[in-house]
Amino acid sequence: MTAAARPFSRGWLLASCVPTLLVLGMALSVPRSPQPGQPVQSLQPVQTAMPAMPAMPAMAPAPTARGLASEEGGYRLALETTASPVRFTITGPDGAPVTDLAVHQTKKLHFYAIRSDLTGFRHLHPDQAPDGTWTADLAPLDPGTWRLYADFVPNTGPHSPEHVLSRTLTIPGEAAPVPLPAPAERTTVDGYNVTLRAQPMSGAYQLTATIDQDGRPVTDLQPYLDSYAHLSAFHEGDQALAHLHPANAVTSDHGGPTLTFQAMLPEPGNWRVFLQFQTAGRLHTAELTLRVS
């Protein structure tokens, strides 16, 4: 991702496969002497093995879903309170609280919360105390099971990996699950119409969001977290997280009306999408369901 591309740009997965495939191809193409009594025709399968290589992009595995573990790469998310405000720490490989995080997407840490039925989406930027404790001022949560995510980059060097850790939290009371809305390309928020279309591209998806108001293209999008929009998508069932930023370069307060995202959505099924964009200093959050086959 620029920060925006990290969740889905895993070019190294494909790159790491290429040398192995080339070596295998070379080994298969080396002529072998037929064994006694063996017909020469038995070498023909070796000659037809290589044409399968054009399908190689489909062989590259998609990245595993993000944000479904409380520990990754030696970093661990620990909840200290289970009521608002939520307090938590991130410990490093040495077991001590991490107090030095890099700034990415203009913040040192991004905090998300969503209920198991994919309602109640929250996206916050908590404050950190000198001892490493973070405080997220969540508004009261409805009863049910919630997943809380912490997205951060350790300040350990120019190529430090991004981590997304999560833990679940149960709010007592009688939960009233909300059915997931049916997949749709268009929704309306605060008078803005948002259309989101997905085009499959070699194991990934190109998402195109178009924003209009009363039929007029919106061209006054303001930068939000160093981009013209922030897109968070949660997978129905396991709540895997994908968060994206558009490829559009940010140059002024005149973004839009079309934004393009490159998305790795590794699991088929329904994804609940939350597209956040800003106009006239106000943040808008559009919600819709995207079907991935």
C-alpha atoms as a PDB file:
ATOM      1  CA  MET A   1       0.000   0.000   0.000  1.00  0.00           C
ATOM      2  CA  THR A   2       1.803   3.119  -0.571  1.00  0.00           C
ATOM      3  CA  ALA A   3       0.092   2.557   2.743  1.00  0.00           C
ATOM      4  CA  ALA A   4      -2.984   2.282   0.597  1.00  0.00           C
ATOM      5  CA  ALA A   5      -1.689  -0.671  -1.375  1.00  0.00           C
ATOM      6  CA  ARG A   6      -0.231  -2.868   1.371  1.00  0.00           C
ATOM      7  CA  PRO A   7      -3.209  -5.072   2.126  1.00  0.00           C
ATOM      8  CA  PHE A   8      -3.616  -6.249  -1.420  1.00  0.00           C
ATOM      9  CA  SER A   9      -0.270  -5.659  -3.197  1.00  0.00           C
ATOM     10  CA  ARG A  10       1.509  -8.910  -2.526  1.00  0.00           C
ATOM     11  CA  GLY A  11       3.604  -9.024  -5.674  1.00  0.00           C
ATOM     12  CA  TRP A  12       6.291 -10.938  -3.848  1.00  0.00           C
ATOM     13  CA  LEU A  13       3.947 -13.951  -3.701  1.00  0.00           C
ATOM     14  CA  LEU A  14       4.032 -14.214  -7.465  1.00  0.00           C
ATOM     15  CA  ALA A  15       7.670 -13.183  -7.718  1.00  0.00           C
ATOM     16  CA  SER A  16       8.714 -15.885  -5.283  1.00  0.00           C
ATOM     17  CA  CYS A  17       6.908 -18.530  -7.390  1.00  0.00           C
ATOM     18  CA  VAL A  18       8.579 -17.601 -10.669  1.00  0.00           C
ATOM     19  CA  PRO A  19      12.135 -18.910  -9.973  1.00  0.00           C
ATOM     20  CA  THR A  20      10.723 -22.225  -8.724  1.00  0.00           C
ATOM     21  CA  LEU A  21       8.479 -22.630 -11.776  1.00  0.00           C
ATOM     22  CA  LEU A  22      11.362 -21.819 -14.109  1.00  0.00           C
ATOM     23  CA  VAL A  23      13.632 -24.393 -12.462  1.00  0.00           C
ATOM     24  CA  LEU A  24      10.886 -27.019 -12.634  1.00  0.00           C
ATOM     25  CA  GLY A  25      10.269 -26.164 -16.268  1.00  0.00           C
ATOM     26  CA  MET A  26      13.957 -26.520 -17.073  1.00  0.00           C
ATOM     27  CA  ALA A  27      14.117 -29.857 -15.291  1.00  0.00           C
ATOM     28  CA  LEU A  28      11.078 -31.175 -17.176  1.00  0.00           C
ATOM     29  CA  SER A  29      12.478 -30.052 -20.527  1.00  0.00           C
ATOM     30  CA  VAL A  30      15.847 -31.870 -20.183  1.00  0.00           C
ATOM     31  CA  PRO A  31      15.849 -34.771 -22.655  1.00  0.00           C
ATOM     32  CA  ARG A  32      16.091 -38.201 -21.106  1.00  0.00           C
ATOM     33  CA  SER A  33      17.333 -41.349 -22.740  1.00  0.00           C
ATOM     34  CA  PRO A  34      14.630 -43.992 -23.016  1.00  0.00           C
ATOM     35  CA  GLN A  35      15.044 -47.034 -20.799  1.00  0.00           C
ATOM     36  CA  PRO A  36      15.521 -50.391 -22.464  1.00  0.00           C
ATOM     37  CA  GLY A  37      12.239 -51.465 -23.997  1.00  0.00           C
ATOM     38  CA  GLN A  38      10.642 -48.083 -23.444  1.00  0.00           C
ATOM     39  CA  PRO A  39       9.078 -46.480 -26.543  1.00  0.00           C
ATOM     40  CA  VAL A  40      10.287 -43.058 -27.568  1.00  0.00           C
ATOM     41  CA  GLN A  41       6.672 -41.796 -27.499  1.00  0.00           C
ATOM     42  CA  SER A  42       6.839 -41.799 -23.678  1.00  0.00           C
ATOM     43  CA  LEU A  43       8.777 -38.500 -23.858  1.00  0.00           C
ATOM     44  CA  GLN A  44       5.844 -36.623 -25.396  1.00  0.00           C
ATOM     45  CA  PRO A  45       4.206 -35.586 -22.057  1.00  0.00           C
ATOM     46  CA  VAL A  46       7.424 -33.738 -21.217  1.00  0.00           C
ATOM     47  CA  GLN A  47       7.101 -31.714 -24.413  1.00  0.00           C
ATOM     48  CA  THR A  48       3.512 -30.670 -23.643  1.00  0.00           C
ATOM     49  CA  ALA A  49       4.053 -29.639 -20.006  1.00  0.00           C
ATOM     50  CA  MET A  50       5.368 -26.117 -20.640  1.00  0.00           C
ATOM     51  CA  PRO A  51       2.320 -24.560 -22.423  1.00  0.00           C
ATOM     52  CA  ALA A  52       0.486 -24.595 -19.084  1.00  0.00           C
ATOM     53  CA  MET A  53       2.699 -21.737 -17.831  1.00  0.00           C
ATOM     54  CA  PRO A  54       0.454 -18.887 -19.134  1.00  0.00           C
ATOM     55  CA  ALA A  55      -2.029 -19.840 -16.390  1.00  0.00           C
ATOM     56  CA  MET A  56       0.645 -19.130 -13.781  1.00  0.00           C
ATOM     57  CA  PRO A  57      -1.008 -15.948 -12.349  1.00  0.00           C
ATOM     58  CA  ALA A  58      -4.012 -17.997 -11.247  1.00  0.00           C
ATOM     59  CA  MET A  59      -1.682 -20.364  -9.380  1.00  0.00           C
ATOM     60  CA  ALA A  60      -0.358 -17.635  -7.098  1.00  0.00           C
ATOM     61  CA  PRO A  61      -2.240 -17.911  -3.795  1.00  0.00           C
ATOM     62  CA  ALA A  62      -4.135 -14.851  -2.648  1.00  0.00           C
ATOM     63  CA  PRO A  63      -3.025 -13.332   0.655  1.00  0.00           C
ATOM     64  CA  THR A  64      -4.674 -14.831   3.703  1.00  0.00           C
ATOM     65  CA  ALA A  65      -7.460 -12.797   5.250  1.00  0.00           C
ATOM     66  CA  ARG A  66      -6.233 -10.049   7.536  1.00  0.00           C
ATOM     67  CA  GLY A  67      -7.043  -9.182  11.089  1.00  0.00           C
ATOM     68  CA  LEU A  68      -8.283 -12.530  12.400  1.00  0.00           C
ATOM     69  CA  ALA A  69      -5.548 -13.161  14.975  1.00  0.00           C
ATOM     70  CA  SER A  70      -4.481 -11.389  18.159  1.00  0.00           C
ATOM     71  CA  GLU A  71      -0.804 -12.143  17.513  1.00  0.00           C
ATOM     72  CA  GLU A  72       1.358 -11.848  14.416  1.00  0.00           C
ATOM     73  CA  GLY A  73       5.096 -11.635  13.850  1.00  0.00           C
ATOM     74  CA  GLY A  74       5.764 -11.433  17.588  1.00  0.00           C
ATOM     75  CA  TYR A  75       3.317  -8.541  18.100  1.00  0.00           C
ATOM     76  CA  ARG A  76       0.294  -9.115  20.313  1.00  0.00           C
ATOM     77  CA  LEU A  77      -2.896  -7.167  20.999  1.00  0.00           C
ATOM     78  CA  ALA A  78      -4.045  -7.271  24.644  1.00  0.00           C
ATOM     79  CA  LEU A  79      -7.294  -5.711  25.874  1.00  0.00           C
ATOM     80  CA  GLU A  80      -7.061  -4.133  29.316  1.00  0.00           C
ATOM     81  CA  THR A  81     -10.711  -3.046  29.566  1.00  0.00           C
ATOM     82  CA  THR A  82     -13.836  -4.450  27.967  1.00  0.00           C
ATOM     83  CA  ALA A  83     -16.023  -1.361  28.259  1.00  0.00           C
ATOM     84  CA  SER A  84     -15.862   2.075  26.703  1.00  0.00           C
ATOM     85  CA  PRO A  85     -13.407   3.636  26.662  1.00  0.00           C
ATOM     86  CA  VAL A  86     -11.501   0.554  25.505  1.00  0.00           C
ATOM     87  CA  ARG A  87      -7.892   0.406  26.673  1.00  0.00           C
ATOM     88  CA  PHE A  88      -5.356  -1.895  25.102  1.00  0.00           C
ATOM     89  CA  THR A  89      -1.654  -2.429  24.549  1.00  0.00           C
ATOM     90  CA  ILE A  90       0.440  -3.838  21.752  1.00  0.00           C
ATOM     91  CA  THR A  91       3.426  -5.826  22.925  1.00  0.00           C
ATOM     92  CA  GLY A  92       6.440  -6.535  20.755  1.00  0.00           C
ATOM     93  CA  PRO A  93       8.638  -9.598  20.275  1.00  0.00           C
ATOM     94  CA  ASP A  94      10.379  -8.795  23.576  1.00  0.00           C
ATOM     95  CA  GLY A  95       7.065  -8.830  25.450  1.00  0.00           C
ATOM     96  CA  ALA A  96       7.202  -5.129  26.317  1.00  0.00           C
ATOM     97  CA  PRO A  97       4.567  -2.575  25.235  1.00  0.00           C
ATOM     98  CA  VAL A  98       5.414  -0.971  21.901  1.00  0.00           C
ATOM     99  CA  THR A  99       5.636   2.801  22.189  1.00  0.00           C
ATOM    100  CA  ASP A 100       7.284   3.656  18.856  1.00  0.00           C
ATOM    101  CA  LEU A 101       5.047   3.212  15.816  1.00  0.00           C
ATOM    102  CA  ALA A 102       5.505   4.694  12.375  1.00  0.00           C
ATOM    103  CA  VAL A 103       2.998   7.162  10.977  1.00  0.00           C
ATOM    104  CA  HIS A 104       0.997   5.641   8.143  1.00  0.00           C
ATOM    105  CA  GLN A 105      -2.076   7.142   6.556  1.00  0.00           C
ATOM    106  CA  THR A 106      -1.352  10.198   8.758  1.00  0.00           C
ATOM    107  CA  LYS A 107      -1.863   8.221  12.003  1.00  0.00           C
ATOM    108  CA  LYS A 108       0.205   5.932  14.204  1.00  0.00           C
ATOM    109  CA  LEU A 109      -2.669   3.527  14.781  1.00  0.00           C
ATOM    110  CA  HIS A 110      -6.038   2.873  13.179  1.00  0.00           C
ATOM    111  CA  PHE A 111      -8.709   1.204  15.292  1.00  0.00           C
ATOM    112  CA  TYR A 112     -11.806  -0.520  13.916  1.00  0.00           C
ATOM    113  CA  ALA A 113     -14.813  -2.145  15.545  1.00  0.00           C
ATOM    114  CA  ILE A 114     -17.671  -4.087  13.999  1.00  0.00           C
ATOM    115  CA  ARG A 115     -20.326  -6.427  15.344  1.00  0.00           C
ATOM    116  CA  SER A 116     -20.563 -10.041  14.171  1.00  0.00           C
ATOM    117  CA  ASP A 117     -23.522  -9.156  11.903  1.00  0.00           C
ATOM    118  CA  LEU A 118     -21.327  -6.457  10.278  1.00  0.00           C
ATOM    119  CA  THR A 119     -23.222  -3.546  11.799  1.00  0.00           C
ATOM    120  CA  GLY A 120     -21.979  -0.695  14.002  1.00  0.00           C
ATOM    121  CA  PHE A 121     -18.818   0.067  11.999  1.00  0.00           C
ATOM    122  CA  ARG A 122     -16.364   2.333  13.862  1.00  0.00           C
ATOM    123  CA  HIS A 123     -13.048   3.751  12.635  1.00  0.00           C
ATOM    124  CA  LEU A 124     -11.089   5.655  15.265  1.00  0.00           C
ATOM    125  CA  HIS A 125      -7.600   6.954  15.952  1.00  0.00           C
ATOM    126  CA  PRO A 126      -6.850   6.364  19.646  1.00  0.00           C
ATOM    127  CA  ASP A 127      -4.443   8.240  21.879  1.00  0.00           C
ATOM    128  CA  GLN A 128      -1.394   6.566  23.384  1.00  0.00           C
ATOM    129  CA  ALA A 129      -0.060   7.125  26.895  1.00  0.00           C
ATOM    130  CA  PRO A 130       3.697   7.189  27.607  1.00  0.00           C
ATOM    131  CA  ASP A 131       3.494   3.650  29.019  1.00  0.00           C
ATOM    132  CA  GLY A 132       2.176   2.318  25.694  1.00  0.00           C
ATOM    133  CA  THR A 133      -1.503   2.069  26.639  1.00  0.00           C
ATOM    134  CA  TRP A 134      -3.983   3.085  23.944  1.00  0.00           C
ATOM    135  CA  THR A 135      -7.438   4.503  24.707  1.00  0.00           C
ATOM    136  CA  ALA A 136     -10.260   4.240  22.165  1.00  0.00           C
ATOM    137  CA  ASP A 137     -13.314   6.322  23.048  1.00  0.00           C
ATOM    138  CA  LEU A 138     -15.957   4.075  21.565  1.00  0.00           C
ATOM    139  CA  ALA A 139     -19.545   5.143  21.873  1.00  0.00           C
ATOM    140  CA  PRO A 140     -21.639   2.563  23.749  1.00  0.00           C
ATOM    141  CA  LEU A 141     -21.777  -0.701  21.805  1.00  0.00           C
ATOM    142  CA  ASP A 142     -24.975  -2.665  21.244  1.00  0.00           C
ATOM    143  CA  PRO A 143     -25.191  -6.111  22.888  1.00  0.00           C
ATOM    144  CA  GLY A 144     -23.500  -8.872  20.936  1.00  0.00           C
ATOM    145  CA  THR A 145     -20.070 -10.051  19.862  1.00  0.00           C
ATOM    146  CA  TRP A 146     -17.731  -7.450  18.446  1.00  0.00           C
ATOM    147  CA  ARG A 147     -14.328  -7.688  16.821  1.00  0.00           C
ATOM    148  CA  LEU A 148     -11.827  -4.913  17.585  1.00  0.00           C
ATOM    149  CA  TYR A 149      -8.905  -4.340  15.183  1.00  0.00           C
ATOM    150  CA  ALA A 150      -5.617  -2.486  15.622  1.00  0.00           C
ATOM    151  CA  ASP A 151      -3.769  -1.549  12.413  1.00  0.00           C
ATOM    152  CA  PHE A 152      -0.185  -0.315  12.806  1.00  0.00           C
ATOM    153  CA  VAL A 153       3.368  -0.323  11.432  1.00  0.00           C
ATOM    154  CA  PRO A 154       6.270  -0.753  13.881  1.00  0.00           C
ATOM    155  CA  ASN A 155       8.871   1.983  13.543  1.00  0.00           C
ATOM    156  CA  THR A 156      11.712  -0.470  12.967  1.00  0.00           C
ATOM    157  CA  GLY A 157      12.901   0.606   9.529  1.00  0.00           C
ATOM    158  CA  PRO A 158      11.845   1.813   6.085  1.00  0.00           C
ATOM    159  CA  HIS A 159      10.342  -1.557   5.125  1.00  0.00           C
ATOM    160  CA  SER A 160       8.568  -2.485   8.332  1.00  0.00           C
ATOM    161  CA  PRO A 161       5.485  -4.613   7.628  1.00  0.00           C
ATOM    162  CA  GLU A 162       1.982  -3.489   8.476  1.00  0.00           C
ATOM    163  CA  HIS A 163       0.125  -5.546  11.084  1.00  0.00           C
ATOM    164  CA  VAL A 164      -3.612  -5.876  11.677  1.00  0.00           C
ATOM    165  CA  LEU A 165      -4.447  -7.626  14.952  1.00  0.00           C
ATOM    166  CA  SER A 166      -7.854  -8.190  16.497  1.00  0.00           C
ATOM    167  CA  ARG A 167      -9.684  -9.561  19.487  1.00  0.00           C
ATOM    168  CA  THR A 168     -13.354 -10.246  20.125  1.00  0.00           C
ATOM    169  CA  LEU A 169     -15.419  -8.567  22.805  1.00  0.00           C
ATOM    170  CA  THR A 170     -18.851  -9.590  24.066  1.00  0.00           C
ATOM    171  CA  ILE A 171     -21.246  -6.888  25.209  1.00  0.00           C
ATOM    172  CA  PRO A 172     -23.846  -8.379  27.560  1.00  0.00           C
ATOM    173  CA  GLY A 173     -27.542  -8.054  26.860  1.00  0.00           C
ATOM    174  CA  GLU A 174     -30.064  -9.370  24.409  1.00  0.00           C
ATOM    175  CA  ALA A 175     -28.544  -9.104  20.954  1.00  0.00           C
ATOM    176  CA  ALA A 176     -30.809  -8.432  17.975  1.00  0.00           C
ATOM    177  CA  PRO A 177     -28.884  -9.529  14.845  1.00  0.00           C
ATOM    178  CA  VAL A 178     -29.505  -7.464  11.732  1.00  0.00           C
ATOM    179  CA  PRO A 179     -29.730  -9.358   8.410  1.00  0.00           C
ATOM    180  CA  LEU A 180     -27.027  -8.405   5.941  1.00  0.00           C
ATOM    181  CA  PRO A 181     -28.478  -6.205   3.183  1.00  0.00           C
ATOM    182  CA  ALA A 182     -28.535  -7.778  -0.264  1.00  0.00           C
ATOM    183  CA  PRO A 183     -25.649  -7.006  -2.633  1.00  0.00           C
ATOM    184  CA  ALA A 184     -26.138  -3.712  -4.463  1.00  0.00           C
ATOM    185  CA  GLU A 185     -24.009  -1.392  -6.572  1.00  0.00           C
ATOM    186  CA  ARG A 186     -25.578   1.865  -5.402  1.00  0.00           C
ATOM    187  CA  THR A 187     -26.380   3.532  -2.089  1.00  0.00           C
ATOM    188  CA  THR A 188     -27.054   7.040  -0.764  1.00  0.00           C
ATOM    189  CA  VAL A 189     -25.547   8.827   2.220  1.00  0.00           C
ATOM    190  CA  ASP A 190     -26.059  12.460   3.285  1.00  0.00           C
ATOM    191  CA  GLY A 191     -27.503  13.292  -0.125  1.00  0.00           C
ATOM    192  CA  TYR A 192     -24.578  11.743  -2.027  1.00  0.00           C
ATOM    193  CA  ASN A 193     -25.115   8.806  -4.365  1.00  0.00           C
ATOM    194  CA  VAL A 194     -22.295   6.254  -4.365  1.00  0.00           C
ATOM    195  CA  THR A 195     -21.959   3.589  -7.052  1.00  0.00           C
ATOM    196  CA  LEU A 196     -19.419   0.803  -6.540  1.00  0.00           C
ATOM    197  CA  ARG A 197     -18.553  -1.684  -9.258  1.00  0.00           C
ATOM    198  CA  ALA A 198     -16.101  -4.596  -9.071  1.00  0.00           C
ATOM    199  CA  GLN A 199     -14.158  -5.980 -12.031  1.00  0.00           C
ATOM    200  CA  PRO A 200     -12.147  -9.226 -11.528  1.00  0.00           C
ATOM    201  CA  MET A 201      -8.496  -8.870 -12.518  1.00  0.00           C
ATOM    202  CA  SER A 202      -6.070 -11.846 -12.223  1.00  0.00           C
ATOM    203  CA  GLY A 203      -7.163 -12.992  -8.798  1.00  0.00           C
ATOM    204  CA  ALA A 204      -7.774  -9.436  -7.603  1.00  0.00           C
ATOM    205  CA  TYR A 205     -10.558  -6.924  -8.102  1.00  0.00           C
ATOM    206  CA  GLN A 206     -10.602  -3.418  -9.468  1.00  0.00           C
ATOM    207  CA  LEU A 207     -13.198  -1.473  -7.544  1.00  0.00           C
ATOM    208  CA  THR A 208     -14.527   1.726  -9.086  1.00  0.00           C
ATOM    209  CA  ALA A 209     -16.497   4.131  -6.912  1.00  0.00           C
ATOM    210  CA  THR A 210     -18.384   7.024  -8.493  1.00  0.00           C
ATOM    211  CA  ILE A 211     -19.968   9.794  -6.411  1.00  0.00           C
ATOM    212  CA  ASP A 212     -22.699  12.140  -7.587  1.00  0.00           C
ATOM    213  CA  GLN A 213     -25.216  14.511  -6.019  1.00  0.00           C
ATOM    214  CA  ASP A 214     -28.585  14.982  -7.709  1.00  0.00           C
ATOM    215  CA  GLY A 215     -27.075  13.552 -10.875  1.00  0.00           C
ATOM    216  CA  ARG A 216     -24.136  15.980 -10.868  1.00  0.00           C
ATOM    217  CA  PRO A 217     -20.611  14.509 -10.581  1.00  0.00           C
ATOM    218  CA  VAL A 218     -18.985  15.363  -7.234  1.00  0.00           C
ATOM    219  CA  THR A 219     -15.573  16.968  -7.751  1.00  0.00           C
ATOM    220  CA  ASP A 220     -14.936  18.583  -4.365  1.00  0.00           C
ATOM    221  CA  LEU A 221     -13.704  15.586  -2.376  1.00  0.00           C
ATOM    222  CA  GLN A 222     -11.188  16.633   0.264  1.00  0.00           C
ATOM    223  CA  PRO A 223      -8.192  14.558   1.377  1.00  0.00           C
ATOM    224  CA  TYR A 224      -9.038  12.158   4.197  1.00  0.00           C
ATOM    225  CA  LEU A 225      -6.093  10.259   5.719  1.00  0.00           C
ATOM    226  CA  ASP A 226      -3.901  11.364   2.811  1.00  0.00           C
ATOM    227  CA  SER A 227      -6.315  10.089   0.156  1.00  0.00           C
ATOM    228  CA  TYR A 228      -9.691  10.968  -1.317  1.00  0.00           C
ATOM    229  CA  ALA A 229     -11.432   8.041   0.367  1.00  0.00           C
ATOM    230  CA  HIS A 230     -10.953   5.182   2.793  1.00  0.00           C
ATOM    231  CA  LEU A 231     -12.597   1.839   2.057  1.00  0.00           C
ATOM    232  CA  SER A 232     -13.002  -0.875   4.700  1.00  0.00           C
ATOM    233  CA  ALA A 233     -14.521  -4.247   3.784  1.00  0.00           C
ATOM    234  CA  PHE A 234     -15.472  -7.057   6.179  1.00  0.00           C
ATOM    235  CA  HIS A 235     -16.166 -10.619   5.090  1.00  0.00           C
ATOM    236  CA  GLU A 236     -19.477 -12.117   6.152  1.00  0.00           C
ATOM    237  CA  GLY A 237     -18.956 -14.992   8.545  1.00  0.00           C
ATOM    238  CA  ASP A 238     -15.375 -14.565   9.777  1.00  0.00           C
ATOM    239  CA  GLN A 239     -15.086 -10.746   9.704  1.00  0.00           C
ATOM    240  CA  ALA A 240     -11.821 -10.771   7.759  1.00  0.00           C
ATOM    241  CA  LEU A 241     -10.747  -7.185   7.083  1.00  0.00           C
ATOM    242  CA  ALA A 242      -9.567  -5.547   3.879  1.00  0.00           C
ATOM    243  CA  HIS A 243      -8.903  -1.825   3.930  1.00  0.00           C
ATOM    244  CA  LEU A 244      -8.026   0.123   0.835  1.00  0.00           C
ATOM    245  CA  HIS A 245      -7.272   3.567  -0.503  1.00  0.00           C
ATOM    246  CA  PRO A 246      -7.820   4.789  -4.060  1.00  0.00           C
ATOM    247  CA  ALA A 247      -4.971   4.974  -6.524  1.00  0.00           C
ATOM    248  CA  ASN A 248      -5.956   8.552  -7.432  1.00  0.00           C
ATOM    249  CA  ALA A 249      -3.201  11.031  -6.626  1.00  0.00           C
ATOM    250  CA  VAL A 250      -4.154  13.661  -4.038  1.00  0.00           C
ATOM    251  CA  THR A 251      -3.335  17.178  -5.249  1.00  0.00           C
ATOM    252  CA  SER A 252      -6.044  19.476  -3.880  1.00  0.00           C
ATOM    253  CA  ASP A 253      -9.571  19.675  -2.465  1.00  0.00           C
ATOM    254  CA  HIS A 254     -11.038  18.764  -5.834  1.00  0.00           C
ATOM    255  CA  GLY A 255     -11.105  14.953  -5.900  1.00  0.00           C
ATOM    256  CA  GLY A 256     -13.736  12.855  -7.654  1.00  0.00           C
ATOM    257  CA  PRO A 257     -16.071  11.930  -9.059  1.00  0.00           C
ATOM    258  CA  THR A 258     -14.435   8.537  -9.792  1.00  0.00           C
ATOM    259  CA  LEU A 259     -12.080   6.663  -7.468  1.00  0.00           C
ATOM    260  CA  THR A 260     -10.264   3.441  -8.342  1.00  0.00           C
ATOM    261  CA  PHE A 261      -9.102   0.779  -5.872  1.00  0.00           C
ATOM    262  CA  GLN A 262      -7.107  -2.410  -6.388  1.00  0.00           C
ATOM    263  CA  ALA A 263      -8.401  -5.039  -3.966  1.00  0.00           C
ATOM    264  CA  MET A 264      -7.291  -8.516  -2.949  1.00  0.00           C
ATOM    265  CA  LEU A 265     -10.465 -10.076  -1.542  1.00  0.00           C
ATOM    266  CA  PRO A 266      -9.231 -13.624  -0.913  1.00  0.00           C
ATOM    267  CA  GLU A 267     -12.501 -15.189   0.189  1.00  0.00           C
ATOM    268  CA  PRO A 268     -15.659 -15.582  -1.897  1.00  0.00           C
ATOM    269  CA  GLY A 269     -19.000 -14.515  -0.526  1.00  0.00           C
ATOM    270  CA  ASN A 270     -20.429 -11.254   0.744  1.00  0.00           C
ATOM    271  CA  TRP A 271     -18.273  -8.354   1.908  1.00  0.00           C
ATOM    272  CA  ARG A 272     -19.798  -5.414   3.758  1.00  0.00           C
ATOM    273  CA  VAL A 273     -18.137  -2.284   2.392  1.00  0.00           C
ATOM    274  CA  PHE A 274     -17.790   1.076   4.175  1.00  0.00           C
ATOM    275  CA  LEU A 275     -16.581   3.898   1.932  1.00  0.00           C
ATOM    276  CA  GLN A 276     -15.569   7.055   3.814  1.00  0.00           C
ATOM    277  CA  PHE A 277     -15.040  10.359   2.022  1.00  0.00           C
ATOM    278  CA  GLN A 278     -14.978  14.001   3.054  1.00  0.00           C
ATOM    279  CA  THR A 279     -16.558  17.166   1.652  1.00  0.00           C
ATOM    280  CA  ALA A 280     -16.650  20.651   3.208  1.00  0.00           C
ATOM    281  CA  GLY A 281     -14.954  19.314   6.331  1.00  0.00           C
ATOM    282  CA  ARG A 282     -17.614  16.651   6.929  1.00  0.00           C
ATOM    283  CA  LEU A 283     -16.930  12.902   6.831  1.00  0.00           C
ATOM    284  CA  HIS A 284     -19.483  10.674   5.102  1.00  0.00           C
ATOM    285  CA  THR A 285     -19.708   6.873   5.375  1.00  0.00           C
ATOM    286  CA  ALA A 286     -21.491   4.971   2.612  1.00  0.00           C
ATOM    287  CA  GLU A 287     -22.416   1.323   3.252  1.00  0.00           C
ATOM    288  CA  LEU A 288     -23.226  -1.441   0.783  1.00  0.00           C
ATOM    289  CA  THR A 289     -22.785  -5.186   0.285  1.00  0.00           C
ATOM    290  CA  LEU A 290     -20.403  -6.490  -2.392  1.00  0.00           C
ATOM    291  CA  ARG A 291     -20.688 -10.051  -3.692  1.00  0.00           C
ATOM    292  CA  VAL A 292     -17.422 -11.800  -4.587  1.00  0.00           C
ATOM    293  CA  SER A 293     -17.633 -15.084  -6.494  1.00  0.00           C
END
